[in-house]
Amino acid sequence: MANEVTKLVMETILGLITTAFAFVAGLAWNDAIQKLIATIIGTGDALPSLFIYAIIVTIVAVVVTVLLARVAGKMGIELGE
């Protein structure tokens, strides 16, 4: 019983740490992509460039998620619904 609780606590902590690192990496990419779009499109009117940025990030997120799900499936890992 104690080993199961310890294992569950460790899995949760590792999940939280991994999520925190992913969040920090996401913030770094956020700034980089915003600067890239501002350089390419310009900053004359911020609203269109923000929508373009949001669309690009959404497309990238969907593609990466699908690819990771395929890899997980090939490895026999079940993802939560």
N, C-alpha and C. Protein backbone atom coordinates (compact mmCIF):
# COMPACT_ATOMS: atom_id res chain seq x y z
N MET A 1 0.82 -1.19 0.00
CA MET A 1 0.00 0.00 0.00
C MET A 1 0.87 1.26 0.00
N ALA A 2 1.86 1.29 0.90
CA ALA A 2 2.72 2.47 0.99
C ALA A 2 3.53 2.65 -0.29
N ASN A 3 3.98 1.53 -0.88
CA ASN A 3 4.73 1.61 -2.13
C ASN A 3 3.88 2.16 -3.26
N GLU A 4 2.60 1.79 -3.29
CA GLU A 4 1.69 2.28 -4.33
C GLU A 4 1.48 3.78 -4.18
N VAL A 5 1.33 4.24 -2.94
CA VAL A 5 1.14 5.67 -2.68
C VAL A 5 2.40 6.43 -3.06
N THR A 6 3.56 5.91 -2.68
CA THR A 6 4.82 6.56 -3.02
C THR A 6 5.00 6.63 -4.53
N LYS A 7 4.67 5.56 -5.22
CA LYS A 7 4.78 5.54 -6.67
C LYS A 7 3.84 6.57 -7.30
N LEU A 8 2.62 6.64 -6.80
CA LEU A 8 1.64 7.60 -7.32
C LEU A 8 2.10 9.03 -7.08
N VAL A 9 2.64 9.29 -5.90
CA VAL A 9 3.15 10.64 -5.58
C VAL A 9 4.31 10.99 -6.51
N MET A 10 5.23 10.07 -6.72
CA MET A 10 6.37 10.33 -7.59
C MET A 10 5.93 10.56 -9.03
N GLU A 11 4.97 9.77 -9.52
CA GLU A 11 4.46 9.96 -10.88
C GLU A 11 3.82 11.34 -11.02
N THR A 12 3.08 11.75 -10.00
CA THR A 12 2.43 13.06 -10.03
C THR A 12 3.46 14.18 -10.02
N ILE A 13 4.46 14.07 -9.17
CA ILE A 13 5.50 15.09 -9.09
C ILE A 13 6.26 15.17 -10.41
N LEU A 14 6.61 14.03 -10.97
CA LEU A 14 7.32 14.04 -12.26
C LEU A 14 6.46 14.65 -13.35
N GLY A 15 5.17 14.36 -13.34
CA GLY A 15 4.27 14.96 -14.31
C GLY A 15 4.20 16.47 -14.16
N LEU A 16 4.14 16.95 -12.93
CA LEU A 16 4.08 18.39 -12.68
C LEU A 16 5.38 19.08 -13.10
N ILE A 17 6.51 18.46 -12.80
CA ILE A 17 7.80 19.04 -13.19
C ILE A 17 7.93 19.09 -14.71
N THR A 18 7.54 18.01 -15.37
CA THR A 18 7.59 17.98 -16.83
C THR A 18 6.70 19.06 -17.43
N THR A 19 5.51 19.22 -16.86
CA THR A 19 4.59 20.25 -17.34
C THR A 19 5.17 21.64 -17.13
N ALA A 20 5.82 21.86 -16.01
CA ALA A 20 6.42 23.17 -15.74
C ALA A 20 7.51 23.49 -16.76
N PHE A 21 8.36 22.52 -17.07
CA PHE A 21 9.40 22.74 -18.08
C PHE A 21 8.79 22.99 -19.45
N ALA A 22 7.74 22.27 -19.77
CA ALA A 22 7.07 22.48 -21.05
C ALA A 22 6.46 23.87 -21.12
N PHE A 23 5.93 24.35 -20.02
CA PHE A 23 5.36 25.70 -19.98
C PHE A 23 6.43 26.75 -20.21
N VAL A 24 7.58 26.60 -19.56
CA VAL A 24 8.68 27.55 -19.74
C VAL A 24 9.17 27.53 -21.19
N ALA A 25 9.30 26.34 -21.76
CA ALA A 25 9.72 26.23 -23.16
C ALA A 25 8.67 26.89 -24.07
N GLY A 26 7.40 26.69 -23.75
CA GLY A 26 6.34 27.32 -24.53
C GLY A 26 6.40 28.83 -24.49
N LEU A 27 6.70 29.38 -23.33
CA LEU A 27 6.85 30.83 -23.22
C LEU A 27 8.02 31.35 -24.06
N ALA A 28 9.11 30.60 -24.07
CA ALA A 28 10.26 31.00 -24.87
C ALA A 28 9.90 30.99 -26.35
N TRP A 29 9.23 29.93 -26.79
CA TRP A 29 8.81 29.86 -28.19
C TRP A 29 7.79 30.95 -28.51
N ASN A 30 6.94 31.26 -27.56
CA ASN A 30 5.94 32.30 -27.74
C ASN A 30 6.62 33.62 -28.12
N ASP A 31 7.61 34.01 -27.34
CA ASP A 31 8.33 35.26 -27.63
C ASP A 31 9.04 35.20 -28.97
N ALA A 32 9.69 34.08 -29.25
CA ALA A 32 10.43 33.95 -30.50
C ALA A 32 9.51 34.05 -31.71
N ILE A 33 8.39 33.37 -31.66
CA ILE A 33 7.46 33.39 -32.79
C ILE A 33 6.83 34.77 -32.95
N GLN A 34 6.51 35.43 -31.84
CA GLN A 34 5.95 36.78 -31.92
C GLN A 34 6.93 37.73 -32.60
N LYS A 35 8.19 37.65 -32.23
CA LYS A 35 9.21 38.52 -32.84
C LYS A 35 9.36 38.21 -34.32
N LEU A 36 9.34 36.93 -34.68
CA LEU A 36 9.46 36.54 -36.08
C LEU A 36 8.30 37.10 -36.90
N ILE A 37 7.10 36.96 -36.41
CA ILE A 37 5.94 37.47 -37.14
C ILE A 37 5.98 38.99 -37.21
N ALA A 38 6.39 39.64 -36.14
CA ALA A 38 6.50 41.10 -36.16
C ALA A 38 7.54 41.54 -37.19
N THR A 39 8.61 40.77 -37.34
CA THR A 39 9.64 41.11 -38.32
C THR A 39 9.13 40.90 -39.74
N ILE A 40 8.42 39.80 -39.96
CA ILE A 40 7.95 39.47 -41.31
C ILE A 40 6.78 40.36 -41.71
N ILE A 41 5.79 40.48 -40.85
CA ILE A 41 4.56 41.21 -41.19
C ILE A 41 4.67 42.68 -40.82
N GLY A 42 5.38 42.96 -39.77
CA GLY A 42 5.46 44.33 -39.28
C GLY A 42 4.52 44.51 -38.10
N THR A 43 4.62 45.66 -37.47
CA THR A 43 3.80 45.91 -36.28
C THR A 43 2.84 47.07 -36.49
N GLY A 44 2.55 47.41 -37.74
CA GLY A 44 1.65 48.53 -38.02
C GLY A 44 0.29 48.34 -37.38
N ASP A 45 -0.31 47.19 -37.57
CA ASP A 45 -1.60 46.87 -36.97
C ASP A 45 -1.43 45.55 -36.25
N ALA A 46 -1.45 45.59 -34.93
CA ALA A 46 -1.11 44.41 -34.13
C ALA A 46 -2.17 43.31 -34.20
N LEU A 47 -3.42 43.66 -34.37
CA LEU A 47 -4.48 42.66 -34.32
C LEU A 47 -4.36 41.58 -35.39
N PRO A 48 -4.18 41.94 -36.67
CA PRO A 48 -4.02 40.87 -37.67
C PRO A 48 -2.81 39.97 -37.40
N SER A 49 -1.71 40.56 -36.97
CA SER A 49 -0.53 39.74 -36.71
C SER A 49 -0.76 38.81 -35.52
N LEU A 50 -1.55 39.25 -34.54
CA LEU A 50 -1.87 38.36 -33.41
C LEU A 50 -2.72 37.18 -33.86
N PHE A 51 -3.66 37.43 -34.77
CA PHE A 51 -4.47 36.33 -35.28
C PHE A 51 -3.63 35.37 -36.13
N ILE A 52 -2.75 35.91 -36.94
CA ILE A 52 -1.86 35.06 -37.73
C ILE A 52 -0.99 34.21 -36.81
N TYR A 53 -0.47 34.83 -35.77
CA TYR A 53 0.34 34.12 -34.79
C TYR A 53 -0.47 33.00 -34.13
N ALA A 54 -1.69 33.31 -33.71
CA ALA A 54 -2.53 32.32 -33.04
C ALA A 54 -2.85 31.14 -33.97
N ILE A 55 -3.10 31.44 -35.23
CA ILE A 55 -3.40 30.38 -36.20
C ILE A 55 -2.18 29.49 -36.42
N ILE A 56 -1.01 30.11 -36.57
CA ILE A 56 0.22 29.33 -36.78
C ILE A 56 0.50 28.43 -35.58
N VAL A 57 0.39 28.99 -34.38
CA VAL A 57 0.67 28.21 -33.17
C VAL A 57 -0.34 27.07 -33.03
N THR A 58 -1.59 27.32 -33.35
CA THR A 58 -2.61 26.28 -33.26
C THR A 58 -2.32 25.14 -34.23
N ILE A 59 -1.96 25.48 -35.45
CA ILE A 59 -1.65 24.45 -36.45
C ILE A 59 -0.45 23.62 -36.01
N VAL A 60 0.59 24.29 -35.53
CA VAL A 60 1.78 23.57 -35.06
C VAL A 60 1.42 22.66 -33.88
N ALA A 61 0.63 23.17 -32.95
CA ALA A 61 0.25 22.37 -31.78
C ALA A 61 -0.54 21.13 -32.18
N VAL A 62 -1.46 21.28 -33.12
CA VAL A 62 -2.26 20.13 -33.56
C VAL A 62 -1.38 19.10 -34.26
N VAL A 63 -0.50 19.55 -35.14
CA VAL A 63 0.38 18.63 -35.87
C VAL A 63 1.29 17.88 -34.90
N VAL A 64 1.90 18.60 -33.97
CA VAL A 64 2.80 17.95 -33.00
C VAL A 64 2.03 16.97 -32.13
N THR A 65 0.83 17.35 -31.70
CA THR A 65 0.03 16.45 -30.87
C THR A 65 -0.33 15.17 -31.61
N VAL A 66 -0.72 15.29 -32.86
CA VAL A 66 -1.06 14.11 -33.66
C VAL A 66 0.17 13.22 -33.84
N LEU A 67 1.32 13.82 -34.14
CA LEU A 67 2.54 13.03 -34.31
C LEU A 67 2.93 12.32 -33.02
N LEU A 68 2.84 13.02 -31.89
CA LEU A 68 3.18 12.40 -30.61
C LEU A 68 2.20 11.28 -30.27
N ALA A 69 0.93 11.46 -30.59
CA ALA A 69 -0.06 10.40 -30.33
C ALA A 69 0.24 9.17 -31.18
N ARG A 70 0.66 9.38 -32.42
CA ARG A 70 1.02 8.23 -33.28
C ARG A 70 2.22 7.48 -32.71
N VAL A 71 3.24 8.23 -32.27
CA VAL A 71 4.43 7.60 -31.69
C VAL A 71 4.03 6.82 -30.44
N ALA A 72 3.21 7.43 -29.59
CA ALA A 72 2.77 6.75 -28.37
C ALA A 72 1.99 5.49 -28.71
N GLY A 73 1.15 5.56 -29.73
CA GLY A 73 0.39 4.38 -30.15
C GLY A 73 1.28 3.26 -30.63
N LYS A 74 2.33 3.60 -31.38
CA LYS A 74 3.26 2.59 -31.86
C LYS A 74 4.04 1.95 -30.72
N MET A 75 4.23 2.72 -29.64
CA MET A 75 4.95 2.20 -28.49
C MET A 75 4.02 1.44 -27.53
N GLY A 76 2.73 1.44 -27.84
CA GLY A 76 1.77 0.74 -27.00
C GLY A 76 1.34 1.53 -25.79
N ILE A 77 1.52 2.84 -25.82
CA ILE A 77 1.14 3.70 -24.71
C ILE A 77 -0.27 4.22 -24.97
N GLU A 78 -1.15 4.02 -24.00
CA GLU A 78 -2.52 4.52 -24.13
C GLU A 78 -2.58 5.92 -23.55
N LEU A 79 -3.16 6.83 -24.32
CA LEU A 79 -3.32 8.20 -23.86
C LEU A 79 -4.71 8.38 -23.27
N GLY A 80 -4.81 9.21 -22.23
CA GLY A 80 -6.12 9.49 -21.63
C GLY A 80 -7.01 10.24 -22.58
N GLU A 81 -8.29 9.99 -22.48
CA GLU A 81 -9.26 10.63 -23.38
C GLU A 81 -9.58 12.01 -22.90
